[in-house]
Every structure is written in structure tokens, then in C-alpha cells.
N, C-alpha and C. Protein backbone atom coordinates (compact mmCIF):
# COMPACT_ATOMS: atom_id res chain seq x y z
N MET A 1 14.68 12.95 8.84
CA MET A 1 14.14 13.79 9.89
C MET A 1 12.84 14.43 9.39
N SER A 2 11.79 14.29 10.19
CA SER A 2 10.49 14.83 9.81
C SER A 2 10.54 16.36 9.68
N TYR A 3 9.69 16.88 8.84
CA TYR A 3 9.58 18.33 8.69
C TYR A 3 8.81 18.95 9.85
N LEU A 4 8.21 18.12 10.72
CA LEU A 4 7.46 18.63 11.86
C LEU A 4 8.36 18.62 13.09
N SER A 5 8.68 19.78 13.59
CA SER A 5 9.60 19.86 14.74
C SER A 5 9.01 19.26 16.01
N SER A 6 7.70 19.07 16.04
CA SER A 6 7.07 18.46 17.23
C SER A 6 7.28 16.95 17.28
N LEU A 7 7.81 16.37 16.22
CA LEU A 7 8.05 14.93 16.17
C LEU A 7 9.52 14.63 16.43
N PRO A 8 9.82 13.41 16.88
CA PRO A 8 11.22 13.06 17.09
C PRO A 8 11.99 13.03 15.77
N ASP A 9 13.29 13.15 15.83
CA ASP A 9 14.13 13.14 14.63
C ASP A 9 13.94 11.86 13.81
N ASP A 10 13.72 10.75 14.49
CA ASP A 10 13.56 9.46 13.80
C ASP A 10 12.08 9.07 13.69
N ALA A 11 11.21 10.04 13.49
CA ALA A 11 9.76 9.81 13.45
C ALA A 11 9.38 8.80 12.37
N VAL A 12 8.43 7.96 12.74
CA VAL A 12 7.79 7.04 11.79
C VAL A 12 6.33 7.45 11.69
N LEU A 13 5.60 6.80 10.82
CA LEU A 13 4.23 7.21 10.58
C LEU A 13 3.36 7.13 11.83
N MET A 14 3.60 6.15 12.69
CA MET A 14 2.82 6.07 13.94
C MET A 14 2.99 7.33 14.77
N ASP A 15 4.14 7.98 14.70
CA ASP A 15 4.34 9.23 15.43
C ASP A 15 3.41 10.33 14.89
N VAL A 16 3.26 10.38 13.58
CA VAL A 16 2.33 11.35 12.98
C VAL A 16 0.91 11.01 13.41
N PHE A 17 0.55 9.71 13.34
CA PHE A 17 -0.78 9.29 13.74
C PHE A 17 -1.07 9.68 15.19
N LYS A 18 -0.11 9.45 16.07
CA LYS A 18 -0.31 9.79 17.50
C LYS A 18 -0.39 11.29 17.72
N ARG A 19 0.37 12.05 16.96
CA ARG A 19 0.38 13.51 17.11
C ARG A 19 -0.92 14.13 16.62
N TYR A 20 -1.52 13.51 15.60
CA TYR A 20 -2.74 14.03 14.98
C TYR A 20 -3.83 12.97 14.94
N PRO A 21 -4.31 12.52 16.10
CA PRO A 21 -5.30 11.44 16.13
C PRO A 21 -6.63 11.80 15.47
N GLU A 22 -6.98 13.08 15.43
CA GLU A 22 -8.26 13.48 14.85
C GLU A 22 -8.32 13.17 13.35
N THR A 23 -7.20 13.23 12.65
CA THR A 23 -7.19 12.85 11.23
C THR A 23 -6.76 11.40 11.05
N SER A 24 -6.04 10.87 12.01
CA SER A 24 -5.50 9.51 11.89
C SER A 24 -6.54 8.43 12.15
N ARG A 25 -7.39 8.62 13.13
CA ARG A 25 -8.39 7.58 13.45
C ARG A 25 -9.28 7.24 12.25
N PRO A 26 -9.90 8.24 11.62
CA PRO A 26 -10.74 7.89 10.47
C PRO A 26 -9.92 7.32 9.30
N LEU A 27 -8.70 7.78 9.15
CA LEU A 27 -7.83 7.26 8.09
C LEU A 27 -7.51 5.79 8.33
N LEU A 28 -7.20 5.44 9.56
CA LEU A 28 -6.92 4.03 9.87
C LEU A 28 -8.18 3.17 9.77
N ASP A 29 -9.33 3.73 10.14
CA ASP A 29 -10.58 3.01 9.94
C ASP A 29 -10.78 2.70 8.45
N TYR A 30 -10.48 3.68 7.62
CA TYR A 30 -10.63 3.49 6.17
C TYR A 30 -9.63 2.46 5.65
N HIS A 31 -8.41 2.51 6.16
CA HIS A 31 -7.43 1.47 5.81
C HIS A 31 -7.98 0.08 6.12
N GLU A 32 -8.57 -0.07 7.28
CA GLU A 32 -9.10 -1.37 7.69
C GLU A 32 -10.16 -1.87 6.69
N VAL A 33 -11.03 -0.97 6.25
CA VAL A 33 -12.06 -1.34 5.28
C VAL A 33 -11.43 -1.74 3.95
N VAL A 34 -10.55 -0.91 3.42
CA VAL A 34 -9.96 -1.15 2.10
C VAL A 34 -9.00 -2.33 2.10
N MET A 35 -8.19 -2.42 3.14
CA MET A 35 -7.11 -3.42 3.14
C MET A 35 -7.47 -4.74 3.81
N ARG A 36 -8.50 -4.73 4.67
CA ARG A 36 -8.84 -5.96 5.39
C ARG A 36 -10.31 -6.35 5.26
N GLY A 37 -11.13 -5.48 4.71
CA GLY A 37 -12.54 -5.78 4.55
C GLY A 37 -12.78 -6.73 3.38
N PRO A 38 -14.05 -7.02 3.09
CA PRO A 38 -14.39 -7.92 1.99
C PRO A 38 -13.83 -7.41 0.66
N SER A 39 -13.22 -8.31 -0.08
CA SER A 39 -12.62 -7.98 -1.37
C SER A 39 -12.35 -9.27 -2.14
N PRO A 40 -12.40 -9.23 -3.45
CA PRO A 40 -11.97 -10.39 -4.23
C PRO A 40 -10.48 -10.68 -4.06
N PHE A 41 -9.73 -9.68 -3.63
CA PHE A 41 -8.29 -9.85 -3.41
C PHE A 41 -8.02 -10.28 -1.98
N SER A 42 -7.07 -11.15 -1.81
CA SER A 42 -6.63 -11.54 -0.47
C SER A 42 -5.92 -10.36 0.19
N VAL A 43 -5.69 -10.47 1.47
CA VAL A 43 -4.91 -9.46 2.18
C VAL A 43 -3.53 -9.34 1.54
N ALA A 44 -2.90 -10.46 1.26
CA ALA A 44 -1.56 -10.44 0.65
C ALA A 44 -1.59 -9.72 -0.70
N GLU A 45 -2.61 -9.98 -1.51
CA GLU A 45 -2.69 -9.32 -2.82
C GLU A 45 -2.91 -7.82 -2.68
N ARG A 46 -3.73 -7.41 -1.72
CA ARG A 46 -3.93 -5.97 -1.52
C ARG A 46 -2.66 -5.30 -1.02
N GLU A 47 -1.91 -5.98 -0.16
CA GLU A 47 -0.65 -5.43 0.29
C GLU A 47 0.36 -5.35 -0.86
N LEU A 48 0.31 -6.33 -1.76
CA LEU A 48 1.15 -6.30 -2.96
C LEU A 48 0.80 -5.08 -3.82
N ILE A 49 -0.48 -4.85 -4.02
CA ILE A 49 -0.92 -3.68 -4.79
C ILE A 49 -0.44 -2.40 -4.12
N ALA A 50 -0.60 -2.30 -2.80
CA ALA A 50 -0.16 -1.11 -2.06
C ALA A 50 1.35 -0.90 -2.21
N ALA A 51 2.11 -1.96 -2.08
CA ALA A 51 3.57 -1.86 -2.19
C ALA A 51 3.98 -1.49 -3.62
N TYR A 52 3.29 -2.05 -4.60
CA TYR A 52 3.59 -1.75 -6.00
C TYR A 52 3.32 -0.28 -6.31
N VAL A 53 2.15 0.22 -5.91
CA VAL A 53 1.82 1.63 -6.12
C VAL A 53 2.88 2.51 -5.45
N SER A 54 3.28 2.15 -4.24
CA SER A 54 4.29 2.93 -3.52
C SER A 54 5.62 2.89 -4.23
N GLY A 55 5.96 1.74 -4.83
CA GLY A 55 7.19 1.64 -5.62
C GLY A 55 7.13 2.50 -6.86
N VAL A 56 5.99 2.50 -7.55
CA VAL A 56 5.82 3.34 -8.73
C VAL A 56 6.00 4.81 -8.33
N ASN A 57 5.54 5.18 -7.14
CA ASN A 57 5.67 6.54 -6.65
C ASN A 57 7.04 6.84 -6.03
N SER A 58 7.90 5.85 -5.98
CA SER A 58 9.23 5.99 -5.35
C SER A 58 9.12 6.40 -3.89
N CYS A 59 8.10 5.92 -3.20
CA CYS A 59 7.94 6.18 -1.77
C CYS A 59 8.57 5.01 -1.03
N ALA A 60 9.84 5.15 -0.67
CA ALA A 60 10.60 4.05 -0.07
C ALA A 60 9.98 3.56 1.23
N TYR A 61 9.48 4.46 2.05
CA TYR A 61 8.89 4.08 3.33
C TYR A 61 7.68 3.17 3.12
N CYS A 62 6.70 3.62 2.33
CA CYS A 62 5.50 2.81 2.11
C CYS A 62 5.82 1.55 1.33
N GLN A 63 6.71 1.63 0.35
CA GLN A 63 7.08 0.43 -0.38
C GLN A 63 7.73 -0.57 0.57
N GLY A 64 8.61 -0.09 1.44
CA GLY A 64 9.28 -0.97 2.38
C GLY A 64 8.33 -1.62 3.36
N VAL A 65 7.47 -0.82 3.98
CA VAL A 65 6.52 -1.36 4.97
C VAL A 65 5.55 -2.35 4.31
N HIS A 66 5.02 -1.99 3.15
CA HIS A 66 3.98 -2.84 2.55
C HIS A 66 4.56 -4.01 1.77
N THR A 67 5.81 -3.92 1.35
CA THR A 67 6.48 -5.10 0.82
C THR A 67 6.68 -6.11 1.94
N ALA A 68 7.14 -5.64 3.09
CA ALA A 68 7.32 -6.53 4.25
C ALA A 68 6.00 -7.14 4.68
N THR A 69 4.93 -6.35 4.65
CA THR A 69 3.61 -6.86 5.03
C THR A 69 3.14 -7.90 4.02
N ALA A 70 3.28 -7.59 2.74
CA ALA A 70 2.87 -8.54 1.69
C ALA A 70 3.63 -9.86 1.85
N GLU A 71 4.93 -9.76 2.08
CA GLU A 71 5.73 -10.98 2.25
C GLU A 71 5.34 -11.73 3.52
N ALA A 72 5.05 -11.01 4.60
CA ALA A 72 4.60 -11.66 5.83
C ALA A 72 3.27 -12.38 5.62
N CYS A 73 2.48 -11.88 4.67
CA CYS A 73 1.17 -12.48 4.37
C CYS A 73 1.24 -13.55 3.28
N GLY A 74 2.44 -13.80 2.74
CA GLY A 74 2.60 -14.90 1.80
C GLY A 74 3.04 -14.56 0.39
N VAL A 75 3.23 -13.29 0.06
CA VAL A 75 3.75 -12.93 -1.26
C VAL A 75 5.22 -13.33 -1.32
N ALA A 76 5.65 -13.83 -2.45
CA ALA A 76 7.03 -14.30 -2.62
C ALA A 76 8.02 -13.17 -2.33
N ALA A 77 9.05 -13.50 -1.58
CA ALA A 77 10.11 -12.53 -1.29
C ALA A 77 10.69 -12.01 -2.60
N GLY A 78 10.85 -10.70 -2.67
CA GLY A 78 11.43 -10.07 -3.85
C GLY A 78 10.45 -9.79 -4.97
N ALA A 79 9.20 -10.23 -4.84
CA ALA A 79 8.23 -10.03 -5.92
C ALA A 79 7.92 -8.56 -6.16
N VAL A 80 7.80 -7.78 -5.09
CA VAL A 80 7.44 -6.37 -5.26
C VAL A 80 8.53 -5.60 -5.98
N PRO A 81 9.79 -5.61 -5.50
CA PRO A 81 10.80 -4.85 -6.26
C PRO A 81 10.98 -5.36 -7.68
N ALA A 82 10.82 -6.66 -7.88
CA ALA A 82 10.91 -7.21 -9.24
C ALA A 82 9.79 -6.68 -10.11
N ALA A 83 8.58 -6.59 -9.57
CA ALA A 83 7.43 -6.07 -10.32
C ALA A 83 7.61 -4.60 -10.65
N VAL A 84 8.13 -3.83 -9.71
CA VAL A 84 8.36 -2.40 -9.96
C VAL A 84 9.42 -2.23 -11.05
N ALA A 85 10.44 -3.08 -11.03
CA ALA A 85 11.51 -3.00 -12.03
C ALA A 85 11.05 -3.47 -13.41
N ASP A 86 10.31 -4.58 -13.46
CA ASP A 86 9.84 -5.13 -14.74
C ASP A 86 8.69 -6.08 -14.46
N LEU A 87 7.50 -5.58 -14.55
CA LEU A 87 6.31 -6.35 -14.22
C LEU A 87 6.22 -7.65 -15.03
N ASP A 88 6.56 -7.59 -16.30
CA ASP A 88 6.38 -8.75 -17.17
C ASP A 88 7.29 -9.93 -16.83
N THR A 89 8.44 -9.67 -16.23
CA THR A 89 9.35 -10.77 -15.88
C THR A 89 9.35 -11.08 -14.39
N SER A 90 8.52 -10.40 -13.64
CA SER A 90 8.48 -10.58 -12.19
C SER A 90 7.76 -11.87 -11.81
N PRO A 91 8.01 -12.36 -10.58
CA PRO A 91 7.33 -13.58 -10.14
C PRO A 91 5.92 -13.31 -9.58
N VAL A 92 5.23 -12.35 -10.16
CA VAL A 92 3.86 -12.03 -9.77
C VAL A 92 2.93 -12.95 -10.56
N PRO A 93 1.90 -13.51 -9.92
CA PRO A 93 0.96 -14.37 -10.66
C PRO A 93 0.42 -13.66 -11.90
N GLU A 94 0.28 -14.42 -12.96
CA GLU A 94 -0.14 -13.88 -14.27
C GLU A 94 -1.45 -13.08 -14.17
N ASN A 95 -2.41 -13.56 -13.38
CA ASN A 95 -3.70 -12.86 -13.32
C ASN A 95 -3.63 -11.54 -12.55
N LEU A 96 -2.54 -11.32 -11.80
CA LEU A 96 -2.38 -10.04 -11.09
C LEU A 96 -1.65 -9.00 -11.92
N ARG A 97 -0.97 -9.41 -12.96
CA ARG A 97 -0.21 -8.44 -13.78
C ARG A 97 -1.10 -7.36 -14.40
N PRO A 98 -2.26 -7.71 -14.97
CA PRO A 98 -3.13 -6.65 -15.50
C PRO A 98 -3.61 -5.69 -14.40
N VAL A 99 -3.82 -6.21 -13.22
CA VAL A 99 -4.24 -5.37 -12.09
C VAL A 99 -3.12 -4.38 -11.76
N LEU A 100 -1.90 -4.88 -11.67
CA LEU A 100 -0.77 -4.00 -11.36
C LEU A 100 -0.50 -3.03 -12.51
N ARG A 101 -0.68 -3.47 -13.76
CA ARG A 101 -0.54 -2.55 -14.88
C ARG A 101 -1.56 -1.41 -14.76
N TYR A 102 -2.78 -1.78 -14.38
CA TYR A 102 -3.86 -0.80 -14.24
C TYR A 102 -3.52 0.22 -13.14
N VAL A 103 -3.16 -0.26 -11.95
CA VAL A 103 -2.87 0.68 -10.86
C VAL A 103 -1.59 1.48 -11.12
N GLY A 104 -0.66 0.88 -11.86
CA GLY A 104 0.55 1.61 -12.23
C GLY A 104 0.21 2.77 -13.15
N LYS A 105 -0.62 2.51 -14.15
CA LYS A 105 -1.03 3.57 -15.07
C LYS A 105 -1.88 4.61 -14.35
N LEU A 106 -2.78 4.15 -13.48
CA LEU A 106 -3.61 5.07 -12.71
C LEU A 106 -2.75 5.97 -11.82
N THR A 107 -1.65 5.45 -11.34
CA THR A 107 -0.72 6.23 -10.51
C THR A 107 0.10 7.21 -11.35
N ARG A 108 0.64 6.73 -12.45
CA ARG A 108 1.53 7.57 -13.28
C ARG A 108 0.77 8.61 -14.09
N THR A 109 -0.32 8.18 -14.73
CA THR A 109 -1.06 9.04 -15.66
C THR A 109 -2.56 8.80 -15.51
N PRO A 110 -3.14 9.27 -14.42
CA PRO A 110 -4.55 8.96 -14.15
C PRO A 110 -5.51 9.38 -15.26
N ALA A 111 -5.26 10.47 -15.91
CA ALA A 111 -6.17 10.92 -16.96
C ALA A 111 -6.11 10.04 -18.21
N ALA A 112 -5.09 9.19 -18.31
CA ALA A 112 -4.93 8.33 -19.49
C ALA A 112 -5.57 6.96 -19.31
N ILE A 113 -6.11 6.67 -18.13
CA ILE A 113 -6.72 5.36 -17.89
C ILE A 113 -7.93 5.23 -18.82
N SER A 114 -8.14 4.04 -19.37
CA SER A 114 -9.20 3.87 -20.38
C SER A 114 -10.01 2.60 -20.13
N ARG A 115 -11.10 2.49 -20.85
CA ARG A 115 -11.93 1.29 -20.79
C ARG A 115 -11.09 0.07 -21.16
N ALA A 116 -10.19 0.20 -22.12
CA ALA A 116 -9.34 -0.91 -22.53
C ALA A 116 -8.48 -1.40 -21.36
N ASP A 117 -8.02 -0.48 -20.53
CA ASP A 117 -7.23 -0.87 -19.35
C ASP A 117 -8.10 -1.67 -18.38
N ALA A 118 -9.32 -1.21 -18.18
CA ALA A 118 -10.25 -1.93 -17.30
C ALA A 118 -10.59 -3.30 -17.89
N GLU A 119 -10.80 -3.35 -19.19
CA GLU A 119 -11.13 -4.61 -19.85
C GLU A 119 -10.00 -5.64 -19.70
N GLU A 120 -8.76 -5.19 -19.67
CA GLU A 120 -7.64 -6.10 -19.47
C GLU A 120 -7.72 -6.77 -18.10
N VAL A 121 -8.12 -6.01 -17.08
CA VAL A 121 -8.29 -6.57 -15.73
C VAL A 121 -9.43 -7.58 -15.74
N LEU A 122 -10.55 -7.21 -16.34
CA LEU A 122 -11.71 -8.10 -16.39
C LEU A 122 -11.41 -9.37 -17.19
N ALA A 123 -10.65 -9.24 -18.27
CA ALA A 123 -10.29 -10.39 -19.10
C ALA A 123 -9.38 -11.37 -18.36
N ALA A 124 -8.69 -10.89 -17.33
CA ALA A 124 -7.82 -11.76 -16.54
C ALA A 124 -8.61 -12.56 -15.50
N GLY A 125 -9.94 -12.39 -15.51
CA GLY A 125 -10.79 -13.17 -14.61
C GLY A 125 -11.28 -12.43 -13.39
N TRP A 126 -10.96 -11.16 -13.27
CA TRP A 126 -11.43 -10.36 -12.15
C TRP A 126 -12.76 -9.73 -12.50
N ASP A 127 -13.59 -9.48 -11.48
CA ASP A 127 -14.89 -8.86 -11.73
C ASP A 127 -14.83 -7.36 -11.39
N GLU A 128 -15.97 -6.70 -11.53
CA GLU A 128 -16.03 -5.25 -11.25
C GLU A 128 -15.69 -4.93 -9.80
N HIS A 129 -16.08 -5.80 -8.88
CA HIS A 129 -15.73 -5.58 -7.47
C HIS A 129 -14.22 -5.58 -7.30
N ALA A 130 -13.53 -6.46 -8.00
CA ALA A 130 -12.07 -6.50 -7.94
C ALA A 130 -11.48 -5.22 -8.50
N LEU A 131 -12.00 -4.76 -9.63
CA LEU A 131 -11.49 -3.52 -10.21
C LEU A 131 -11.69 -2.36 -9.24
N HIS A 132 -12.87 -2.28 -8.65
CA HIS A 132 -13.13 -1.24 -7.66
C HIS A 132 -12.16 -1.35 -6.48
N SER A 133 -11.96 -2.55 -5.99
CA SER A 133 -11.05 -2.77 -4.86
C SER A 133 -9.63 -2.32 -5.21
N ALA A 134 -9.17 -2.68 -6.41
CA ALA A 134 -7.83 -2.27 -6.84
C ALA A 134 -7.72 -0.75 -6.92
N VAL A 135 -8.76 -0.10 -7.46
CA VAL A 135 -8.76 1.36 -7.55
C VAL A 135 -8.69 1.98 -6.15
N MET A 136 -9.44 1.43 -5.20
CA MET A 136 -9.45 1.99 -3.86
C MET A 136 -8.10 1.81 -3.16
N VAL A 137 -7.45 0.66 -3.32
CA VAL A 137 -6.11 0.47 -2.76
C VAL A 137 -5.14 1.45 -3.41
N CYS A 138 -5.22 1.57 -4.72
CA CYS A 138 -4.35 2.50 -5.44
C CYS A 138 -4.55 3.93 -4.95
N ALA A 139 -5.78 4.36 -4.86
CA ALA A 139 -6.07 5.73 -4.43
C ALA A 139 -5.58 5.97 -3.00
N LEU A 140 -5.83 5.01 -2.12
CA LEU A 140 -5.40 5.14 -0.73
C LEU A 140 -3.89 5.28 -0.64
N PHE A 141 -3.17 4.48 -1.40
CA PHE A 141 -1.72 4.53 -1.27
C PHE A 141 -1.08 5.68 -2.03
N ASN A 142 -1.74 6.21 -3.04
CA ASN A 142 -1.26 7.47 -3.60
C ASN A 142 -1.40 8.57 -2.55
N PHE A 143 -2.50 8.57 -1.82
CA PHE A 143 -2.69 9.51 -0.71
C PHE A 143 -1.61 9.31 0.34
N MET A 144 -1.42 8.07 0.78
CA MET A 144 -0.46 7.79 1.85
C MET A 144 0.96 8.13 1.43
N ASN A 145 1.31 7.88 0.19
CA ASN A 145 2.65 8.21 -0.29
C ASN A 145 2.90 9.70 -0.19
N ARG A 146 1.91 10.48 -0.51
CA ARG A 146 2.07 11.93 -0.41
C ARG A 146 2.11 12.39 1.05
N MET A 147 1.34 11.73 1.89
CA MET A 147 1.38 12.06 3.31
C MET A 147 2.76 11.78 3.90
N VAL A 148 3.30 10.61 3.60
CA VAL A 148 4.62 10.22 4.10
C VAL A 148 5.70 11.15 3.56
N GLU A 149 5.69 11.37 2.27
CA GLU A 149 6.72 12.24 1.67
C GLU A 149 6.56 13.69 2.14
N GLY A 150 5.32 14.15 2.28
CA GLY A 150 5.08 15.52 2.73
C GLY A 150 5.56 15.78 4.15
N HIS A 151 5.56 14.75 4.98
CA HIS A 151 6.06 14.87 6.36
C HIS A 151 7.54 14.47 6.46
N ASN A 152 8.10 13.94 5.38
CA ASN A 152 9.49 13.45 5.35
C ASN A 152 9.71 12.33 6.37
N ILE A 153 8.86 11.33 6.30
CA ILE A 153 8.97 10.17 7.18
C ILE A 153 9.86 9.14 6.50
N THR A 154 10.86 8.66 7.22
CA THR A 154 11.78 7.67 6.67
C THR A 154 12.03 6.57 7.70
N ALA A 155 12.52 5.45 7.22
CA ALA A 155 12.91 4.34 8.10
C ALA A 155 13.77 3.39 7.28
N GLY A 156 14.15 2.29 7.89
CA GLY A 156 15.00 1.32 7.21
C GLY A 156 14.42 -0.08 7.26
N PRO A 157 15.15 -1.03 6.71
CA PRO A 157 14.66 -2.41 6.59
C PRO A 157 14.22 -3.05 7.91
N GLU A 158 14.91 -2.76 8.99
CA GLU A 158 14.53 -3.35 10.28
C GLU A 158 13.14 -2.86 10.69
N TYR A 159 12.89 -1.58 10.54
CA TYR A 159 11.58 -1.04 10.86
C TYR A 159 10.51 -1.61 9.92
N TYR A 160 10.83 -1.70 8.63
CA TYR A 160 9.86 -2.24 7.67
C TYR A 160 9.41 -3.64 8.09
N ALA A 161 10.37 -4.48 8.48
CA ALA A 161 10.04 -5.85 8.89
C ALA A 161 9.16 -5.84 10.14
N THR A 162 9.51 -5.02 11.12
CA THR A 162 8.72 -4.93 12.35
C THR A 162 7.31 -4.46 12.04
N SER A 163 7.20 -3.43 11.23
CA SER A 163 5.90 -2.87 10.88
C SER A 163 5.09 -3.86 10.05
N GLY A 164 5.74 -4.54 9.11
CA GLY A 164 5.05 -5.53 8.29
C GLY A 164 4.46 -6.66 9.12
N ASN A 165 5.24 -7.15 10.07
CA ASN A 165 4.74 -8.21 10.95
C ASN A 165 3.60 -7.71 11.83
N ARG A 166 3.72 -6.48 12.31
CA ARG A 166 2.64 -5.90 13.14
C ARG A 166 1.35 -5.78 12.33
N LEU A 167 1.46 -5.28 11.10
CA LEU A 167 0.26 -5.15 10.27
C LEU A 167 -0.35 -6.51 9.96
N LYS A 168 0.47 -7.51 9.75
CA LYS A 168 -0.06 -8.87 9.52
C LYS A 168 -0.83 -9.33 10.75
N GLU A 169 -0.30 -9.07 11.92
CA GLU A 169 -0.92 -9.56 13.16
C GLU A 169 -2.14 -8.76 13.60
N VAL A 170 -2.07 -7.43 13.54
CA VAL A 170 -3.16 -6.63 14.12
C VAL A 170 -3.97 -5.84 13.10
N GLY A 171 -3.53 -5.82 11.86
CA GLY A 171 -4.24 -5.05 10.85
C GLY A 171 -4.21 -3.56 11.15
N TYR A 172 -5.04 -2.84 10.45
CA TYR A 172 -5.08 -1.39 10.61
C TYR A 172 -5.93 -0.98 11.79
N ALA A 173 -6.93 -1.80 12.13
CA ALA A 173 -7.72 -1.54 13.33
C ALA A 173 -6.82 -1.62 14.56
N GLY A 174 -5.87 -2.52 14.54
CA GLY A 174 -4.92 -2.65 15.65
C GLY A 174 -4.05 -1.42 15.78
N LEU A 175 -3.71 -0.79 14.67
CA LEU A 175 -2.93 0.45 14.75
C LEU A 175 -3.76 1.54 15.41
N ASN A 176 -5.03 1.56 15.09
CA ASN A 176 -5.92 2.56 15.71
C ASN A 176 -5.95 2.36 17.23
N ARG A 177 -5.97 1.10 17.67
CA ARG A 177 -5.96 0.83 19.12
C ARG A 177 -4.64 1.28 19.74
N LEU A 178 -3.55 1.24 18.98
CA LEU A 178 -2.25 1.69 19.50
C LEU A 178 -2.21 3.19 19.76
N LEU A 179 -3.09 3.95 19.11
CA LEU A 179 -3.15 5.38 19.34
C LEU A 179 -3.59 5.70 20.76
N GLU A 180 -4.30 4.75 21.36
CA GLU A 180 -4.79 4.95 22.74
C GLU A 180 -3.69 4.73 23.77
N ALA A 181 -2.61 4.05 23.36
CA ALA A 181 -1.53 3.72 24.30
C ALA A 181 -0.69 4.93 24.64
């Protein structure tokens, strides 16, 4: 149940977005840029990063929605929870592991991130644009995890699947259009 009495008992994030469109519209525009705009990472890889960061933060709602989205976009089923549990044995592509290690450390201990951490990402074949893109996805989802937890937004697997498929189909710009409905 959301902490906002103006929302329904079973509120999801779209309810918050609709209740507060003045903060939601620019936020969804930013999501569209970070998650669907030009990037060395595919949409599926960015959704994987978002889901991983959310898992590191123990944000079940965001991990659920973005795991479903990542899987709808082609990430192997079960890869996200496996990566959160043990990145080194997970079915995540080898070149993405340094990226996930980087965003995991940036999430857990941001002041401890170092040039050596960045060099590990670059050594895996990613360029500076990729590192920047990973940082922006990480930062966005640390923000979103706190927004979701701060409002006490919850849902279950059925909603995650529905939301994941919707995000695959309409992206974040499509969510912004739903605010008009």
C-alpha cells in the first residue's frame, strides 16, 4: 500500500506518474534518452543494467519490472537474479560482467569507485561512451529505486510481465503518452 493516501491501495508507479505529471513528464523524457537513445549498449543490455542495479538495491518492484523488460527484449530468462546472486557464475555475457561489477560498486559504495574499475570496463572492449551510458543507467535507477521505495510502490510477477512487455513495445516515451489518457 502506497504511503500516499491519494493513490489507490494497489498503486503502481504509473499511478504516481499520473498523480504528479509535472515531475513525471520530464523524468520519463529522461528515461527515453537514457534507456532508448543512442548508446553502445542495446536496449536489452540497458534494461539488464537497470534490473541489476535494482537487484543490488533490493528494490523488488524495479528489479521485477526491468527483469521482465530485459527478458522481453532478449536477455536470457533468469540471468538477472543469477547475476545479482553471483555475477561470476551467471549466464551474463563475459563482456558485460565488468560493466555490472562497475555499476554494482557504484551503487553499493559510490565513493570507492576508482580508475581501475573504469579500466576493467574499457579492457572488456567498451569505450568511454559505454562507460558513460552505464553510469547514467545506474544513476537513473538508483534514483528510481528510491522513488519507488519512498512511495512504497509494490506489485507482483503478473504486473512485472505486463509492464515489461509494455516497455518493450512503447518505451518510456509511450508511458509519457499514457499520462494523457
